Amino acid sequence: MAKLALCLPMLLLLLLAWKGSDLQVKSVGVTLPESLLFVSTLDGSLHAVSKQSGDIKWTLKEDPIIQVPVYLTEPGFLPDPNDGSLYVLGGKHKEGLMKLPFTIPELVQSAPCRSSDGMLYTGKKQDVWFVVDPQTGEKQTSLSTSSSDSICPNAPLLYIGRTEYMITMYDTKTQELRWNATYNDYSAPPYDEKQNYKMAHLVSSGDGLVVTVDRES
């Protein structure tokens, strides 16, 4: 199998799950005429890419993976869009950039909570299913706890799960809102070696290049 290369304009973050010609997102399977690979980018777009040619078939545009304030206080909090990890820069941490022992999703799961330095954390988690036409990428509707519009499909539909994590930090010492952020994550089951998947997808964290190769050769 020849090597395929695809270059997208922004850093590529994650690859959603697949299995042969049966497209699998979360627990929903849809058979497509052409097998697709799903790639998420920093701007929140989800690109449906042909696994055979590397061509982008369609793009679903949503909110960016990470949304944070444009200003930076000290200490500053820097999130990693790959998994929502948090880093702190400045303040009493004069040694430079330090990784915190929790991620934004973990903070949301633990909230409401209080740290030893007097920081209060509040969090919110919102799940949504995007109902999409697998041929065109046109969104038919969204399913969430707040809305579930009924539709009458005349063709198979694709269901894509996405979770929004919102975290807020409140400083009890200064009585001020310290920082807030929103982290969005597409749902994808972990890779299973038993699937005997024939391809390997290699992602560059620098220039957004995805290379597809034959796993065996």
Protein backbone atom coordinates (compact mmCIF):
# COMPACT_ATOMS: atom_id res chain seq x y z
CA MET A 1 0.00 0.00 0.00
CA ALA A 2 1.37 3.40 -0.93
CA LYS A 3 1.98 6.01 1.72
CA LEU A 4 -0.55 8.86 1.86
CA ALA A 5 0.11 12.27 3.34
CA LEU A 6 -2.42 14.91 4.29
CA CYS A 7 -1.60 18.39 5.56
CA LEU A 8 -4.30 20.38 7.35
CA PRO A 9 -3.91 24.07 8.20
CA MET A 10 -3.94 23.58 11.98
CA LEU A 11 -2.43 21.22 14.51
CA LEU A 12 -4.16 17.84 14.46
CA LEU A 13 -5.26 16.59 17.82
CA LEU A 14 -7.05 13.26 17.65
CA LEU A 15 -8.22 10.49 15.37
CA LEU A 16 -11.69 9.06 15.88
CA ALA A 17 -12.36 5.36 15.68
CA TRP A 18 -12.87 3.26 12.58
CA LYS A 19 -13.08 -0.39 11.54
CA GLY A 20 -12.79 -1.46 7.91
CA SER A 21 -15.65 -0.04 5.88
CA ASP A 22 -17.89 0.21 8.95
CA LEU A 23 -17.55 3.68 10.41
CA GLN A 24 -17.78 3.63 14.20
CA VAL A 25 -18.22 6.73 16.35
CA LYS A 26 -18.93 5.91 19.99
CA SER A 27 -21.49 3.08 19.92
CA VAL A 28 -23.09 3.85 16.56
CA GLY A 29 -22.06 2.08 13.34
CA VAL A 30 -22.84 3.32 9.83
CA THR A 31 -21.73 1.60 6.63
CA LEU A 32 -20.43 4.08 4.07
CA PRO A 33 -19.60 3.62 0.36
CA GLU A 34 -16.11 4.88 1.15
CA SER A 35 -14.29 4.31 4.44
CA LEU A 36 -13.60 7.58 6.25
CA LEU A 37 -11.14 8.72 8.88
CA PHE A 38 -12.17 11.54 11.24
CA VAL A 39 -9.61 14.15 12.27
CA SER A 40 -10.20 16.93 14.80
CA THR A 41 -8.28 20.23 14.61
CA LEU A 42 -7.63 23.02 17.10
CA ASP A 43 -10.27 25.29 15.61
CA GLY A 44 -12.94 22.72 16.54
CA SER A 45 -13.48 21.41 13.00
CA LEU A 46 -14.00 17.71 12.41
CA HIS A 47 -12.69 16.64 8.99
CA ALA A 48 -13.96 13.52 7.22
CA VAL A 49 -10.96 12.22 5.28
CA SER A 50 -10.82 9.41 2.74
CA LYS A 51 -8.55 6.67 4.08
CA GLN A 52 -7.67 5.66 0.53
CA SER A 53 -6.80 9.01 -1.07
CA GLY A 54 -6.33 11.40 1.86
CA ASP A 55 -8.86 13.85 0.38
CA ILE A 56 -11.06 15.85 2.75
CA LYS A 57 -14.65 14.90 1.89
CA TRP A 58 -16.39 17.36 4.21
CA THR A 59 -15.80 19.40 7.37
CA LEU A 60 -18.04 19.89 10.38
CA LYS A 61 -17.26 23.26 12.01
CA GLU A 62 -17.82 23.65 15.76
CA ASP A 63 -16.41 25.71 18.63
CA PRO A 64 -12.60 25.58 19.18
CA ILE A 65 -11.15 22.76 21.28
CA ILE A 66 -9.95 25.24 23.92
CA GLN A 67 -11.55 28.58 24.84
CA VAL A 68 -9.71 30.72 27.40
CA PRO A 69 -9.52 34.43 28.32
CA VAL A 70 -7.34 36.55 26.03
CA TYR A 71 -5.58 38.17 29.01
CA LEU A 72 -2.90 36.38 31.05
CA THR A 73 -2.53 37.02 34.78
CA GLU A 74 0.28 35.79 37.04
CA PRO A 75 0.37 32.97 37.67
CA GLY A 76 -0.96 32.07 34.25
CA PHE A 77 -2.76 28.84 33.45
CA LEU A 78 -2.07 27.20 30.08
CA PRO A 79 -4.24 24.26 28.91
CA ASP A 80 -3.07 21.49 26.59
CA PRO A 81 -5.72 20.91 23.88
CA ASN A 82 -4.70 17.26 23.46
CA ASP A 83 -6.20 16.08 26.74
CA GLY A 84 -7.08 19.19 28.75
CA SER A 85 -3.95 19.04 30.93
CA LEU A 86 -3.12 22.25 32.81
CA TYR A 87 0.21 24.03 33.20
CA VAL A 88 1.00 26.99 35.45
CA LEU A 89 3.51 29.72 34.60
CA GLY A 90 4.83 32.41 36.93
CA GLY A 91 3.73 33.31 40.45
CA LYS A 92 5.48 31.29 43.12
CA HIS A 93 6.53 28.72 40.51
CA LYS A 94 9.69 30.56 39.50
CA GLU A 95 11.24 27.43 37.99
CA GLY A 96 9.18 28.00 34.84
CA LEU A 97 6.36 25.98 33.34
CA MET A 98 4.96 23.34 35.72
CA LYS A 99 2.35 20.71 34.91
CA LEU A 100 -0.50 20.42 37.39
CA PRO A 101 -1.55 16.91 38.56
CA PHE A 102 -5.05 17.15 37.05
CA THR A 103 -6.78 17.92 33.76
CA ILE A 104 -9.79 20.14 33.04
CA PRO A 105 -12.14 17.11 32.73
CA GLU A 106 -10.84 15.75 36.06
CA LEU A 107 -11.39 19.13 37.73
CA VAL A 108 -14.94 19.26 36.38
CA GLN A 109 -15.62 15.74 37.68
CA SER A 110 -14.31 16.72 41.14
CA ALA A 111 -16.03 20.11 41.37
CA PRO A 112 -17.07 21.79 43.52
CA CYS A 113 -13.73 21.55 45.28
CA ARG A 114 -11.17 23.76 47.05
CA SER A 115 -7.38 23.69 46.82
CA SER A 116 -4.95 24.16 49.71
CA ASP A 117 -4.07 27.67 48.50
CA GLY A 118 -7.66 28.89 48.78
CA MET A 119 -8.79 28.42 45.18
CA LEU A 120 -12.41 27.43 44.61
CA TYR A 121 -13.26 25.36 41.53
CA THR A 122 -16.70 25.11 39.95
CA GLY A 123 -17.35 23.00 36.88
CA LYS A 124 -19.98 22.03 34.34
CA LYS A 125 -20.15 19.15 31.85
CA GLN A 126 -22.40 19.21 28.78
CA ASP A 127 -22.75 16.27 26.38
CA VAL A 128 -24.13 16.58 22.86
CA TRP A 129 -24.67 14.29 19.87
CA PHE A 130 -24.30 15.80 16.39
CA VAL A 131 -26.59 14.05 13.89
CA VAL A 132 -24.86 14.32 10.51
CA ASP A 133 -25.48 13.19 6.95
CA PRO A 134 -22.45 10.87 6.35
CA GLN A 135 -22.37 11.72 2.63
CA THR A 136 -22.35 15.52 2.80
CA GLY A 137 -21.45 16.35 6.42
CA GLU A 138 -24.60 18.46 6.77
CA LYS A 139 -25.76 18.61 10.38
CA GLN A 140 -29.37 17.46 10.71
CA THR A 141 -29.83 18.27 14.40
CA SER A 142 -28.15 18.10 17.82
CA LEU A 143 -29.20 15.93 20.75
CA SER A 144 -28.52 17.07 24.31
CA THR A 145 -30.20 17.38 27.70
CA SER A 146 -31.62 20.77 26.67
CA SER A 147 -32.78 19.92 23.14
CA SER A 148 -33.71 16.86 21.10
CA ASP A 149 -35.43 17.89 17.89
CA SER A 150 -37.06 14.99 16.07
CA ILE A 151 -36.10 14.30 12.45
CA CYS A 152 -37.37 12.06 9.67
CA PRO A 153 -34.25 10.73 7.95
CA ASN A 154 -34.46 9.34 4.43
CA ALA A 155 -30.92 7.91 4.61
CA PRO A 156 -28.56 6.48 7.28
CA LEU A 157 -27.30 9.11 9.71
CA LEU A 158 -24.01 9.48 11.56
CA TYR A 159 -23.98 10.25 15.30
CA ILE A 160 -20.89 12.06 16.63
CA GLY A 161 -20.52 12.58 20.39
CA ARG A 162 -18.84 15.65 21.87
CA THR A 163 -18.40 16.77 25.49
CA GLU A 164 -17.91 20.33 26.70
CA TYR A 165 -16.07 20.84 30.01
CA MET A 166 -16.32 24.30 31.64
CA ILE A 167 -14.15 25.17 34.66
CA THR A 168 -13.98 28.36 36.74
CA MET A 169 -11.37 29.30 39.37
CA TYR A 170 -12.27 31.75 42.16
CA ASP A 171 -9.56 33.10 44.50
CA THR A 172 -10.83 33.45 48.10
CA LYS A 173 -7.79 35.54 49.07
CA THR A 174 -8.39 38.32 46.53
CA GLN A 175 -12.15 37.72 46.26
CA GLU A 176 -11.77 37.69 42.46
CA LEU A 177 -12.45 35.38 39.57
CA ARG A 178 -8.99 34.05 38.72
CA TRP A 179 -9.50 32.08 35.50
CA ASN A 180 -12.04 30.18 33.42
CA ALA A 181 -11.77 27.85 30.44
CA THR A 182 -13.84 25.60 28.20
CA TYR A 183 -12.45 22.34 26.80
CA ASN A 184 -14.24 20.37 24.07
CA ASP A 185 -13.53 16.71 23.41
CA TYR A 186 -14.92 14.41 20.68
CA SER A 187 -15.82 10.91 21.86
CA ALA A 188 -13.79 8.02 20.48
CA PRO A 189 -13.36 4.49 21.87
CA PRO A 190 -9.75 3.37 22.46
CA TYR A 191 -7.98 1.36 19.78
CA ASP A 192 -8.42 -2.38 20.17
CA GLU A 193 -5.66 -4.66 18.85
CA LYS A 194 -8.27 -7.39 18.29
CA GLN A 195 -9.80 -5.32 15.47
CA ASN A 196 -6.84 -6.24 13.24
CA TYR A 197 -6.87 -2.76 11.70
CA LYS A 198 -4.64 -2.70 8.59
CA MET A 199 -3.49 0.95 8.69
CA ALA A 200 -1.37 3.11 10.97
CA HIS A 201 -1.94 6.88 11.21
CA LEU A 202 0.99 9.02 12.33
CA VAL A 203 0.32 12.61 13.42
CA SER A 204 2.85 15.45 13.66
CA SER A 205 2.33 17.86 16.55
CA GLY A 206 4.27 20.62 14.78
CA ASP A 207 2.86 21.16 11.29
CA GLY A 208 -0.44 19.23 11.34
CA LEU A 209 0.73 16.49 8.95
CA VAL A 210 -1.03 13.11 8.99
CA VAL A 211 0.65 10.16 7.28
CA THR A 212 -1.16 6.86 6.66
CA VAL A 213 0.94 3.72 6.14
CA ASP A 214 0.36 -0.02 5.90
CA ARG A 215 0.72 -1.39 9.43
CA GLU A 216 2.53 -4.56 8.36
CA SER A 217 4.88 -3.30 5.64
